[in-house]
PDB file of N, CA and C in Angstrom:
ATOM      1  N   MET A   1      -6.056   4.033  39.495  1.00  0.00           N
ATOM      2  CA  MET A   1      -6.695   5.103  38.781  1.00  0.00           C
ATOM      3  C   MET A   1      -6.580   4.837  37.272  1.00  0.00           C
ATOM      4  N   LYS A   2      -7.714   4.821  36.594  1.00  0.00           N
ATOM      5  CA  LYS A   2      -7.732   4.589  35.151  1.00  0.00           C
ATOM      6  C   LYS A   2      -7.375   5.861  34.413  1.00  0.00           C
ATOM      7  N   LYS A   3      -6.596   5.639  33.348  1.00  0.00           N
ATOM      8  CA  LYS A   3      -6.262   6.780  32.506  1.00  0.00           C
ATOM      9  C   LYS A   3      -7.355   6.979  31.473  1.00  0.00           C
ATOM     10  N   LYS A   4      -7.570   8.215  31.138  1.00  0.00           N
ATOM     11  CA  LYS A   4      -8.552   8.559  30.119  1.00  0.00           C
ATOM     12  C   LYS A   4      -7.957   8.238  28.744  1.00  0.00           C
ATOM     13  N   PRO A   5      -8.710   7.575  27.857  1.00  0.00           N
ATOM     14  CA  PRO A   5      -8.165   7.258  26.535  1.00  0.00           C
ATOM     15  C   PRO A   5      -7.883   8.510  25.723  1.00  0.00           C
ATOM     16  N   ARG A   6      -6.861   8.399  24.886  1.00  0.00           N
ATOM     17  CA  ARG A   6      -6.503   9.530  24.042  1.00  0.00           C
ATOM     18  C   ARG A   6      -7.540   9.732  22.955  1.00  0.00           C
ATOM     19  N   ASN A   7      -7.720  10.957  22.578  1.00  0.00           N
ATOM     20  CA  ASN A   7      -8.547  11.291  21.428  1.00  0.00           C
ATOM     21  C   ASN A   7      -7.612  11.512  20.249  1.00  0.00           C
ATOM     22  N   TYR A   8      -7.660  10.588  19.302  1.00  0.00           N
ATOM     23  CA  TYR A   8      -6.804  10.706  18.133  1.00  0.00           C
ATOM     24  C   TYR A   8      -7.506  11.519  17.056  1.00  0.00           C
ATOM     25  N   VAL A   9      -6.749  12.402  16.461  1.00  0.00           N
ATOM     26  CA  VAL A   9      -7.258  13.227  15.375  1.00  0.00           C
ATOM     27  C   VAL A   9      -6.615  12.725  14.088  1.00  0.00           C
ATOM     28  N   ILE A  10      -7.443  12.384  13.118  1.00  0.00           N
ATOM     29  CA  ILE A  10      -6.913  11.902  11.851  1.00  0.00           C
ATOM     30  C   ILE A  10      -6.372  13.073  11.060  1.00  0.00           C
ATOM     31  N   ASP A  11      -5.112  12.964  10.687  1.00  0.00           N
ATOM     32  CA  ASP A  11      -4.433  14.001   9.930  1.00  0.00           C
ATOM     33  C   ASP A  11      -5.095  14.178   8.563  1.00  0.00           C
ATOM     34  N   SER A  12      -5.082  15.381   8.038  1.00  0.00           N
ATOM     35  CA  SER A  12      -5.729  15.643   6.745  1.00  0.00           C
ATOM     36  C   SER A  12      -5.049  14.892   5.603  1.00  0.00           C
ATOM     37  N   ASP A  13      -3.741  14.627   5.726  1.00  0.00           N
ATOM     38  CA  ASP A  13      -3.044  13.844   4.693  1.00  0.00           C
ATOM     39  C   ASP A  13      -3.602  12.428   4.614  1.00  0.00           C
ATOM     40  N   ILE A  14      -3.925  11.856   5.764  1.00  0.00           N
ATOM     41  CA  ILE A  14      -4.483  10.503   5.787  1.00  0.00           C
ATOM     42  C   ILE A  14      -5.870  10.510   5.164  1.00  0.00           C
ATOM     43  N   THR A  15      -6.670  11.486   5.516  1.00  0.00           N
ATOM     44  CA  THR A  15      -8.012  11.598   4.949  1.00  0.00           C
ATOM     45  C   THR A  15      -7.939  11.768   3.437  1.00  0.00           C
ATOM     46  N   ASP A  16      -7.023  12.608   2.972  1.00  0.00           N
ATOM     47  CA  ASP A  16      -6.857  12.817   1.532  1.00  0.00           C
ATOM     48  C   ASP A  16      -6.447  11.522   0.840  1.00  0.00           C
ATOM     49  N   SER A  17      -5.542  10.770   1.450  1.00  0.00           N
ATOM     50  CA  SER A  17      -5.093   9.499   0.863  1.00  0.00           C
ATOM     51  C   SER A  17      -6.231   8.494   0.800  1.00  0.00           C
ATOM     52  N   LEU A  18      -7.013   8.402   1.869  1.00  0.00           N
ATOM     53  CA  LEU A  18      -8.137   7.465   1.878  1.00  0.00           C
ATOM     54  C   LEU A  18      -9.155   7.832   0.807  1.00  0.00           C
ATOM     55  N   ASN A  19      -9.414   9.122   0.656  1.00  0.00           N
ATOM     56  CA  ASN A  19     -10.346   9.572  -0.384  1.00  0.00           C
ATOM     57  C   ASN A  19      -9.789   9.269  -1.775  1.00  0.00           C
ATOM     58  N   SER A  20      -8.488   9.453  -1.943  1.00  0.00           N
ATOM     59  CA  SER A  20      -7.851   9.177  -3.225  1.00  0.00           C
ATOM     60  C   SER A  20      -7.963   7.687  -3.578  1.00  0.00           C
ATOM     61  N   ILE A  21      -7.788   6.834  -2.593  1.00  0.00           N
ATOM     62  CA  ILE A  21      -7.916   5.391  -2.818  1.00  0.00           C
ATOM     63  C   ILE A  21      -9.345   5.051  -3.214  1.00  0.00           C
ATOM     64  N   LYS A  22     -10.319   5.650  -2.556  1.00  0.00           N
ATOM     65  CA  LYS A  22     -11.724   5.395  -2.900  1.00  0.00           C
ATOM     66  C   LYS A  22     -12.017   5.803  -4.343  1.00  0.00           C
ATOM     67  N   VAL A  23     -11.506   6.946  -4.759  1.00  0.00           N
ATOM     68  CA  VAL A  23     -11.718   7.421  -6.129  1.00  0.00           C
ATOM     69  C   VAL A  23     -11.057   6.464  -7.120  1.00  0.00           C
ATOM     70  N   ALA A  24      -9.829   6.043  -6.825  1.00  0.00           N
ATOM     71  CA  ALA A  24      -9.116   5.129  -7.721  1.00  0.00           C
ATOM     72  C   ALA A  24      -9.852   3.794  -7.835  1.00  0.00           C
ATOM     73  N   GLU A  25     -10.361   3.288  -6.723  1.00  0.00           N
ATOM     74  CA  GLU A  25     -11.111   2.029  -6.749  1.00  0.00           C
ATOM     75  C   GLU A  25     -12.374   2.174  -7.590  1.00  0.00           C
ATOM     76  N   ALA A  26     -13.022   3.328  -7.495  1.00  0.00           N
ATOM     77  CA  ALA A  26     -14.230   3.563  -8.294  1.00  0.00           C
ATOM     78  C   ALA A  26     -13.903   3.624  -9.781  1.00  0.00           C
ATOM     79  N   ILE A  27     -12.773   4.220 -10.126  1.00  0.00           N
ATOM     80  CA  ILE A  27     -12.377   4.345 -11.526  1.00  0.00           C
ATOM     81  C   ILE A  27     -12.106   2.979 -12.145  1.00  0.00           C
ATOM     82  N   VAL A  28     -11.347   2.132 -11.449  1.00  0.00           N
ATOM     83  CA  VAL A  28     -10.981   0.827 -12.013  1.00  0.00           C
ATOM     84  C   VAL A  28     -12.035  -0.242 -11.765  1.00  0.00           C
ATOM     85  N   GLY A  29     -12.965   0.036 -10.877  1.00  0.00           N
ATOM     86  CA  GLY A  29     -14.022  -0.928 -10.591  1.00  0.00           C
ATOM     87  C   GLY A  29     -13.566  -2.107  -9.765  1.00  0.00           C
ATOM     88  N   ALA A  30     -12.512  -1.922  -8.992  1.00  0.00           N
ATOM     89  CA  ALA A  30     -12.008  -2.996  -8.129  1.00  0.00           C
ATOM     90  C   ALA A  30     -11.593  -2.395  -6.794  1.00  0.00           C
ATOM     91  N   LYS A  31     -11.515  -3.248  -5.792  1.00  0.00           N
ATOM     92  CA  LYS A  31     -11.155  -2.790  -4.463  1.00  0.00           C
ATOM     93  C   LYS A  31      -9.772  -3.305  -4.093  1.00  0.00           C
ATOM     94  N   MET A  32      -8.955  -2.449  -3.510  1.00  0.00           N
ATOM     95  CA  MET A  32      -7.625  -2.864  -3.077  1.00  0.00           C
ATOM     96  C   MET A  32      -7.740  -3.777  -1.861  1.00  0.00           C
ATOM     97  N   ASP A  33      -6.815  -4.719  -1.782  1.00  0.00           N
ATOM     98  CA  ASP A  33      -6.766  -5.588  -0.609  1.00  0.00           C
ATOM     99  C   ASP A  33      -6.269  -4.805   0.598  1.00  0.00           C
ATOM    100  N   ASP A  34      -6.685  -5.258   1.757  1.00  0.00           N
ATOM    101  CA  ASP A  34      -6.163  -4.707   2.995  1.00  0.00           C
ATOM    102  C   ASP A  34      -4.799  -5.365   3.219  1.00  0.00           C
ATOM    103  N   PRO A  35      -3.703  -4.597   3.247  1.00  0.00           N
ATOM    104  CA  PRO A  35      -2.380  -5.206   3.366  1.00  0.00           C
ATOM    105  C   PRO A  35      -2.141  -5.904   4.700  1.00  0.00           C
ATOM    106  N   THR A  36      -3.029  -5.711   5.666  1.00  0.00           N
ATOM    107  CA  THR A  36      -2.861  -6.370   6.955  1.00  0.00           C
ATOM    108  C   THR A  36      -3.709  -7.632   7.069  1.00  0.00           C
ATOM    109  N   ASP A  37      -4.526  -7.935   6.072  1.00  0.00           N
ATOM    110  CA  ASP A  37      -5.396  -9.107   6.107  1.00  0.00           C
ATOM    111  C   ASP A  37      -4.777 -10.235   5.284  1.00  0.00           C
ATOM    112  N   VAL A  38      -4.304 -11.274   5.973  1.00  0.00           N
ATOM    113  CA  VAL A  38      -3.632 -12.395   5.316  1.00  0.00           C
ATOM    114  C   VAL A  38      -4.559 -13.098   4.335  1.00  0.00           C
ATOM    115  N   ASN A  39      -5.822 -13.223   4.670  1.00  0.00           N
ATOM    116  CA  ASN A  39      -6.774 -13.903   3.787  1.00  0.00           C
ATOM    117  C   ASN A  39      -6.953 -13.149   2.474  1.00  0.00           C
ATOM    118  N   GLU A  40      -7.005 -11.839   2.527  1.00  0.00           N
ATOM    119  CA  GLU A  40      -7.159 -11.051   1.309  1.00  0.00           C
ATOM    120  C   GLU A  40      -5.910 -11.141   0.441  1.00  0.00           C
ATOM    121  N   LEU A  41      -4.741 -11.164   1.074  1.00  0.00           N
ATOM    122  CA  LEU A  41      -3.498 -11.233   0.316  1.00  0.00           C
ATOM    123  C   LEU A  41      -3.319 -12.588  -0.366  1.00  0.00           C
ATOM    124  N   ALA A  42      -3.949 -13.615   0.178  1.00  0.00           N
ATOM    125  CA  ALA A  42      -3.804 -14.957  -0.375  1.00  0.00           C
ATOM    126  C   ALA A  42      -4.745 -15.213  -1.548  1.00  0.00           C
ATOM    127  N   LYS A  43      -5.641 -14.277  -1.850  1.00  0.00           N
ATOM    128  CA  LYS A  43      -6.599 -14.470  -2.940  1.00  0.00           C
ATOM    129  C   LYS A  43      -5.891 -14.581  -4.282  1.00  0.00           C
ATOM    130  N   ASP A  44      -6.567 -15.216  -5.222  1.00  0.00           N
ATOM    131  CA  ASP A  44      -6.026 -15.417  -6.555  1.00  0.00           C
ATOM    132  C   ASP A  44      -5.924 -14.091  -7.295  1.00  0.00           C
ATOM    133  N   LEU A  45      -4.783 -13.815  -7.896  1.00  0.00           N
ATOM    134  CA  LEU A  45      -4.564 -12.548  -8.586  1.00  0.00           C
ATOM    135  C   LEU A  45      -4.726 -12.673 -10.101  1.00  0.00           C
ATOM    136  N   ASP A  46      -5.326 -13.776 -10.587  1.00  0.00           N
ATOM    137  CA  ASP A  46      -5.504 -13.962 -12.026  1.00  0.00           C
ATOM    138  C   ASP A  46      -6.543 -13.010 -12.617  1.00  0.00           C
ATOM    139  N   ASP A  47      -7.445 -12.519 -11.808  1.00  0.00           N
ATOM    140  CA  ASP A  47      -8.474 -11.592 -12.276  1.00  0.00           C
ATOM    141  C   ASP A  47      -7.810 -10.274 -12.684  1.00  0.00           C
ATOM    142  N   PRO A  48      -7.944  -9.830 -13.938  1.00  0.00           N
ATOM    143  CA  PRO A  48      -7.264  -8.610 -14.376  1.00  0.00           C
ATOM    144  C   PRO A  48      -7.730  -7.357 -13.647  1.00  0.00           C
ATOM    145  N   LEU A  49      -8.929  -7.377 -13.071  1.00  0.00           N
ATOM    146  CA  LEU A  49      -9.406  -6.213 -12.320  1.00  0.00           C
ATOM    147  C   LEU A  49      -9.004  -6.271 -10.858  1.00  0.00           C
ATOM    148  N   LYS A  50      -8.380  -7.349 -10.461  1.00  0.00           N
ATOM    149  CA  LYS A  50      -7.985  -7.518  -9.068  1.00  0.00           C
ATOM    150  C   LYS A  50      -6.765  -6.655  -8.781  1.00  0.00           C
ATOM    151  N   VAL A  51      -6.868  -5.824  -7.780  1.00  0.00           N
ATOM    152  CA  VAL A  51      -5.747  -4.995  -7.376  1.00  0.00           C
ATOM    153  C   VAL A  51      -5.100  -5.692  -6.198  1.00  0.00           C
ATOM    154  N   GLY A  52      -3.832  -6.020  -6.326  1.00  0.00           N
ATOM    155  CA  GLY A  52      -3.170  -6.754  -5.252  1.00  0.00           C
ATOM    156  C   GLY A  52      -1.792  -6.214  -4.951  1.00  0.00           C
ATOM    157  N   TYR A  53      -1.209  -6.760  -3.922  1.00  0.00           N
ATOM    158  CA  TYR A  53       0.125  -6.363  -3.513  1.00  0.00           C
ATOM    159  C   TYR A  53       1.111  -7.420  -3.967  1.00  0.00           C
ATOM    160  N   TYR A  54       2.216  -6.978  -4.490  1.00  0.00           N
ATOM    161  CA  TYR A  54       3.251  -7.880  -4.944  1.00  0.00           C
ATOM    162  C   TYR A  54       4.526  -7.533  -4.197  1.00  0.00           C
ATOM    163  N   ILE A  55       5.096  -8.500  -3.535  1.00  0.00           N
ATOM    164  CA  ILE A  55       6.317  -8.271  -2.781  1.00  0.00           C
ATOM    165  C   ILE A  55       7.485  -8.749  -3.624  1.00  0.00           C
ATOM    166  N   ALA A  56       8.349  -7.836  -3.997  1.00  0.00           N
ATOM    167  CA  ALA A  56       9.495  -8.168  -4.833  1.00  0.00           C
ATOM    168  C   ALA A  56      10.561  -8.892  -4.016  1.00  0.00           C
ATOM    169  N   ASP A  57      11.309  -9.729  -4.698  1.00  0.00           N
ATOM    170  CA  ASP A  57      12.442 -10.397  -4.057  1.00  0.00           C
ATOM    171  C   ASP A  57      13.681 -10.212  -4.918  1.00  0.00           C
ATOM    172  N   GLU A  58      14.764 -10.896  -4.565  1.00  0.00           N
ATOM    173  CA  GLU A  58      16.020 -10.691  -5.285  1.00  0.00           C
ATOM    174  C   GLU A  58      15.939 -11.101  -6.757  1.00  0.00           C
ATOM    175  N   ASN A  59      14.971 -11.949  -7.122  1.00  0.00           N
ATOM    176  CA  ASN A  59      14.814 -12.347  -8.516  1.00  0.00           C
ATOM    177  C   ASN A  59      14.257 -11.216  -9.377  1.00  0.00           C
ATOM    178  N   ASP A  60      13.681 -10.221  -8.752  1.00  0.00           N
ATOM    179  CA  ASP A  60      13.103  -9.094  -9.483  1.00  0.00           C
ATOM    180  C   ASP A  60      14.098  -7.943  -9.646  1.00  0.00           C
ATOM    181  N   GLU A  61      15.309  -8.152  -9.161  1.00  0.00           N
ATOM    182  CA  GLU A  61      16.338  -7.112  -9.216  1.00  0.00           C
ATOM    183  C   GLU A  61      16.783  -6.884 -10.659  1.00  0.00           C
ATOM    184  N   ASP A  62      16.837  -5.639 -11.068  1.00  0.00           N
ATOM    185  CA  ASP A  62      17.399  -5.304 -12.372  1.00  0.00           C
ATOM    186  C   ASP A  62      18.245  -4.041 -12.211  1.00  0.00           C
ATOM    187  N   GLU A  63      18.813  -3.581 -13.288  1.00  0.00           N
ATOM    188  CA  GLU A  63      19.730  -2.441 -13.211  1.00  0.00           C
ATOM    189  C   GLU A  63      19.034  -1.182 -12.700  1.00  0.00           C
ATOM    190  N   ASP A  64      17.777  -0.973 -13.089  1.00  0.00           N
ATOM    191  CA  ASP A  64      17.036   0.212 -12.627  1.00  0.00           C
ATOM    192  C   ASP A  64      16.826   0.193 -11.119  1.00  0.00           C
ATOM    193  N   THR A  65      16.442  -0.961 -10.581  1.00  0.00           N
ATOM    194  CA  THR A  65      16.193  -1.020  -9.137  1.00  0.00           C
ATOM    195  C   THR A  65      17.491  -0.875  -8.353  1.00  0.00           C
ATOM    196  N   LYS A  66      18.585  -1.413  -8.894  1.00  0.00           N
ATOM    197  CA  LYS A  66      19.880  -1.247  -8.224  1.00  0.00           C
ATOM    198  C   LYS A  66      20.266   0.226  -8.169  1.00  0.00           C
ATOM    199  N   GLU A  67      20.102   0.917  -9.300  1.00  0.00           N
ATOM    200  CA  GLU A  67      20.454   2.335  -9.356  1.00  0.00           C
ATOM    201  C   GLU A  67      19.541   3.168  -8.452  1.00  0.00           C
ATOM    202  N   THR A  68      18.260   2.797  -8.378  1.00  0.00           N
ATOM    203  CA  THR A  68      17.327   3.521  -7.511  1.00  0.00           C
ATOM    204  C   THR A  68      17.736   3.364  -6.051  1.00  0.00           C
ATOM    205  N   ARG A  69      18.053   2.137  -5.652  1.00  0.00           N
ATOM    206  CA  ARG A  69      18.475   1.928  -4.260  1.00  0.00           C
ATOM    207  C   ARG A  69      19.772   2.659  -3.962  1.00  0.00           C
ATOM    208  N   LYS A  70      20.685   2.681  -4.939  1.00  0.00           N
ATOM    209  CA  LYS A  70      21.945   3.387  -4.750  1.00  0.00           C
ATOM    210  C   LYS A  70      21.680   4.889  -4.578  1.00  0.00           C
ATOM    211  N   SER A  71      20.775   5.443  -5.367  1.00  0.00           N
ATOM    212  CA  SER A  71      20.422   6.870  -5.262  1.00  0.00           C
ATOM    213  C   SER A  71      19.821   7.187  -3.900  1.00  0.00           C
ATOM    214  N   ILE A  72      18.989   6.281  -3.400  1.00  0.00           N
ATOM    215  CA  ILE A  72      18.366   6.491  -2.084  1.00  0.00           C
ATOM    216  C   ILE A  72      19.431   6.523  -0.997  1.00  0.00           C
ATOM    217  N   LEU A  73      20.385   5.597  -1.082  1.00  0.00           N
ATOM    218  CA  LEU A  73      21.453   5.566  -0.079  1.00  0.00           C
ATOM    219  C   LEU A  73      22.286   6.844  -0.134  1.00  0.00           C
ATOM    220  N   VAL A  74      22.569   7.327  -1.324  1.00  0.00           N
ATOM    221  CA  VAL A  74      23.339   8.569  -1.458  1.00  0.00           C
ATOM    222  C   VAL A  74      22.547   9.738  -0.879  1.00  0.00           C
ATOM    223  N   ALA A  75      21.243   9.777  -1.139  1.00  0.00           N
ATOM    224  CA  ALA A  75      20.409  10.870  -0.644  1.00  0.00           C
ATOM    225  C   ALA A  75      20.320  10.869   0.883  1.00  0.00           C
ATOM    226  N   GLU A  76      20.325   9.663   1.466  1.00  0.00           N
ATOM    227  CA  GLU A  76      20.241   9.597   2.929  1.00  0.00           C
ATOM    228  C   GLU A  76      21.515  10.121   3.547  1.00  0.00           C
TER     229      GLU A  76
END
């Protein structure tokens, strides 16, 4: 017996976020990369209008980020 597929309802917060991203892209005149698309993430980021994702590593650690992480741990 086949199960009937679920009907997913998109939460209003998600819709609001997607609309906000569209507005931001229109303002800056660039489109954000899809964080799940490896090809888009590999594109050259030299273009000043290019909106991209940057993954920080331990070399990007400074006193502010240490204190922020410490605050998060205390809050949890």
